[in-house]
Protein backbone atom coordinates (compact mmCIF):
# COMPACT_ATOMS: atom_id res chain seq x y z
CA MET A 1 30.33 13.09 1.29
CA SER A 2 31.39 9.97 1.61
CA LYS A 3 28.11 7.15 2.61
CA ASP A 4 30.96 5.72 4.79
CA ARG A 5 31.71 8.92 7.04
CA ALA A 6 29.21 11.29 7.76
CA ARG A 7 28.39 14.15 10.86
CA ILE A 8 24.78 14.99 11.02
CA HIS A 9 23.47 17.73 12.92
CA PHE A 10 20.07 17.46 14.82
CA ALA A 11 17.68 20.40 15.30
CA GLY A 12 14.41 20.43 16.99
CA VAL A 13 12.51 21.38 19.85
CA GLY A 14 11.60 20.00 23.06
CA GLY A 15 8.98 17.39 23.04
CA GLN A 16 9.81 16.24 19.59
CA GLY A 17 11.94 12.94 20.45
CA THR A 18 15.02 14.87 19.18
CA LEU A 19 17.49 13.56 21.49
CA THR A 20 15.90 10.16 21.72
CA GLY A 21 16.51 10.03 17.83
CA THR A 22 19.97 10.61 18.67
CA THR A 23 20.74 8.09 20.84
CA LEU A 24 18.84 5.78 19.02
CA LEU A 25 21.23 6.62 15.40
CA ALA A 26 24.17 6.26 17.68
CA ARG A 27 23.13 2.78 18.69
CA ALA A 28 22.43 1.36 15.79
CA ALA A 29 26.05 2.69 14.47
CA LEU A 30 27.24 0.81 17.36
CA ASP A 31 25.38 -1.66 16.88
CA LYS A 32 26.72 -2.22 13.47
CA GLY A 33 30.18 -1.79 13.89
CA ILE A 34 30.73 1.70 12.70
CA PRO A 35 32.90 4.36 14.96
CA VAL A 36 30.39 6.44 16.27
CA VAL A 37 30.50 9.86 18.28
CA ALA A 38 27.47 11.82 19.43
CA GLY A 39 26.81 14.79 21.57
CA GLU A 40 24.04 17.26 22.81
CA ILE A 41 25.22 20.47 21.61
CA HIS A 42 22.26 22.79 23.06
CA GLY A 43 19.14 21.49 24.67
CA MET A 44 15.77 23.03 26.54
CA ALA A 45 14.51 20.62 29.06
CA GLN A 46 11.00 22.08 28.89
CA ARG A 47 8.46 20.86 25.76
CA GLY A 48 9.17 23.75 23.65
CA GLY A 49 12.95 24.59 23.71
CA VAL A 50 15.65 24.24 21.09
CA VAL A 51 17.33 20.99 21.22
CA GLU A 52 20.26 20.69 19.48
CA SER A 53 22.77 17.36 19.15
CA SER A 54 25.00 15.59 16.62
CA VAL A 55 26.26 12.21 15.89
CA LEU A 56 29.74 12.02 13.91
CA LEU A 57 29.61 8.25 12.12
CA GLY A 58 32.36 6.78 10.57
CA GLY A 59 35.87 7.96 13.13
CA TRP A 60 35.41 11.27 14.42
CA GLN A 61 37.27 12.74 17.54
CA SER A 62 34.99 15.13 18.16
CA SER A 63 31.10 15.31 18.54
CA VAL A 64 31.55 18.99 17.67
CA ILE A 65 30.42 20.26 14.28
CA SER A 66 31.32 23.80 13.62
CA PRO A 67 29.48 26.33 11.31
CA GLY A 68 29.80 24.81 7.41
CA GLN A 69 30.99 21.05 8.76
CA ALA A 70 27.41 19.23 8.90
CA ASP A 71 26.87 16.76 5.83
CA ILE A 72 23.65 16.15 6.76
CA VAL A 73 20.61 18.57 8.87
CA LEU A 74 18.52 16.12 10.50
CA GLY A 75 15.37 18.71 11.32
CA PHE A 76 12.51 17.65 13.71
CA GLU A 77 10.32 20.94 12.94
CA ALA A 78 10.75 23.18 9.71
CA MET A 79 11.67 26.50 11.17
CA GLU A 80 14.25 24.93 13.45
CA THR A 81 15.81 23.30 9.63
CA LEU A 82 15.87 26.82 8.69
CA ARG A 83 17.37 27.80 10.98
CA ALA A 84 20.09 24.96 11.21
CA LEU A 85 21.33 25.47 7.56
CA PRO A 86 24.32 27.36 8.66
CA TYR A 87 26.22 24.19 9.76
CA LEU A 88 25.69 22.44 6.69
CA HIS A 89 28.69 22.92 4.03
CA GLN A 90 28.29 23.09 0.40
CA GLY A 91 27.11 19.77 -1.36
CA GLY A 92 24.97 18.75 2.33
CA ALA A 93 21.34 17.25 2.52
CA VAL A 94 18.81 18.14 4.42
CA LEU A 95 16.04 15.62 5.70
CA SER A 96 12.97 17.86 7.72
CA SER A 97 9.90 17.00 9.28
CA THR A 98 7.25 19.72 7.91
CA ASP A 99 5.99 20.07 11.47
CA PHE A 100 5.71 23.22 12.60
CA ILE A 101 5.94 24.14 16.97
CA PRO A 102 5.18 28.09 16.29
CA PRO A 103 8.19 29.95 19.17
CA PRO A 104 6.38 31.91 21.88
CA GLY A 105 6.61 35.04 19.84
CA VAL A 106 4.58 33.21 16.87
CA SER A 107 2.11 32.08 18.75
CA ALA A 108 1.61 35.73 20.80
CA GLY A 109 1.14 37.37 17.40
CA ARG A 110 4.15 39.60 18.04
CA GLU A 111 6.18 37.97 15.53
CA THR A 112 5.11 35.64 12.36
CA SER A 113 6.98 33.22 10.70
CA PRO A 114 7.77 31.91 7.23
CA THR A 115 5.70 30.05 5.84
CA LEU A 116 6.56 26.06 4.41
CA ALA A 117 6.75 26.77 0.65
CA ALA A 118 9.52 29.77 1.61
CA ILE A 119 11.37 27.52 4.05
CA GLU A 120 11.59 24.80 1.30
CA ALA A 121 12.90 27.18 -1.20
CA ALA A 122 15.81 28.26 0.80
CA VAL A 123 16.99 24.74 1.85
CA ARG A 124 16.97 23.92 -1.77
CA ASP A 125 18.73 27.40 -2.54
CA CYS A 126 21.88 26.03 -0.48
CA VAL A 127 22.04 22.17 -0.66
CA ALA A 128 22.43 19.13 -3.33
CA HIS A 129 19.56 16.65 -1.71
CA SER A 130 16.54 17.68 0.36
CA TRP A 131 13.49 15.18 1.57
CA PHE A 132 10.28 17.23 3.43
CA VAL A 133 8.71 14.54 5.59
CA PRO A 134 4.82 14.49 6.76
CA CYS A 135 6.29 13.28 10.00
CA ARG A 136 3.37 13.62 12.25
CA GLU A 137 1.12 12.49 9.03
CA LEU A 138 2.55 9.24 9.01
CA ALA A 139 3.87 8.90 12.73
CA ARG A 140 -0.43 9.16 13.03
CA GLU A 141 -0.93 6.36 10.61
CA ALA A 142 1.66 4.01 12.18
CA GLY A 143 -0.30 4.31 15.46
CA SER A 144 0.99 7.45 17.29
CA GLU A 145 2.14 11.15 16.78
CA GLN A 146 5.22 10.32 19.22
CA CYS A 147 6.82 8.18 16.79
CA ALA A 148 6.98 10.69 14.37
CA ASN A 149 11.57 11.12 15.28
CA THR A 150 11.44 7.31 13.90
CA VAL A 151 9.67 8.71 11.07
CA LEU A 152 12.52 11.01 9.99
CA LEU A 153 15.05 8.65 11.49
CA GLY A 154 13.82 5.86 8.64
CA ALA A 155 13.68 8.24 6.06
CA LEU A 156 17.36 9.25 7.02
CA CYS A 157 18.52 5.79 6.86
CA ALA A 158 16.24 5.22 3.09
CA THR A 159 18.46 7.83 1.46
CA GLY A 160 21.49 5.97 0.96
CA LEU A 161 23.49 8.98 2.80
CA ILE A 162 24.63 7.18 5.64
CA PRO A 163 26.35 3.44 6.17
CA LEU A 164 22.69 2.47 7.82
CA ALA A 165 19.81 1.11 6.25
CA PRO A 166 15.98 1.07 7.79
CA ASP A 167 16.36 -2.51 8.80
CA ASP A 168 19.84 -1.58 11.06
CA LEU A 169 17.58 0.67 12.74
CA LYS A 170 15.05 -1.48 13.86
CA LYS A 171 17.08 -4.42 14.92
CA THR A 172 18.53 -1.37 17.58
CA MET A 173 15.19 -0.73 18.06
CA ASP A 174 14.35 -4.27 19.24
CA HIS A 175 16.68 -4.24 22.11
CA ALA A 176 16.27 -0.39 22.77
CA LEU A 177 12.81 0.33 22.85
CA SER A 178 9.85 -0.98 25.38
CA PRO A 179 7.99 -4.02 23.61
CA ARG A 180 4.56 -1.72 24.21
CA ILE A 181 6.09 0.43 21.66
CA LEU A 182 7.99 -1.56 19.04
CA SER A 183 5.33 -2.28 16.56
CA MET A 184 4.28 0.87 16.14
CA ASN A 185 7.75 2.58 15.59
CA HIS A 186 8.93 -0.30 12.93
CA LYS A 187 6.37 0.97 11.27
CA ALA A 188 7.31 4.53 11.72
CA VAL A 189 10.76 3.70 10.14
CA ASP A 190 8.82 1.94 6.85
CA LEU A 191 6.68 4.80 6.28
CA GLY A 192 9.30 6.99 6.63
CA ALA A 193 11.65 4.67 4.13
CA ALA A 194 8.91 4.48 1.96
CA PHE A 195 8.32 8.16 1.25
CA VAL A 196 12.11 8.83 0.45
CA ASN A 197 12.14 5.68 -2.07
CA GLN A 198 8.67 6.73 -3.84
CA GLY A 199 10.18 10.33 -4.38
């Protein structure tokens, strides 16, 4: 995987800011002069529905990532990270939130879901690099659980796997986000980056 070119598959559920995260990362790339294409693969507008999107950095013609092509899976929810693994190519990387949002069948007691430990083991069996980030906890530290998506983006930008640094992301936030929430989102990026750097 080249740091200058990367295909990133985003996976989450409605209400987590997955598509906002997609837009922020794509805008940060544009602000830095990096060729980018982005798109929503699958999305459910209601809270709790599966959301998938993509950002391709470094000069691609299409926003479509087929199974086995993603360099990075960015999972905003642990179960969706597991479900997205088929998109990843051998030797790819995973950054995932440790947070769970139980699907309806699990909430109703009709189904069971794997534990976080089982998900981490499954991921580590098939990737070169992986990080499991306590996004909701770090977001609360930043000032609001709604910053969990920017915690994960900050972590991604700190890995060195893409041609964007945490400061690049924060510069984009300066003109893309409301001043009311800017400070907490800056802190969220810093906390996500610090989590990766300490590991």
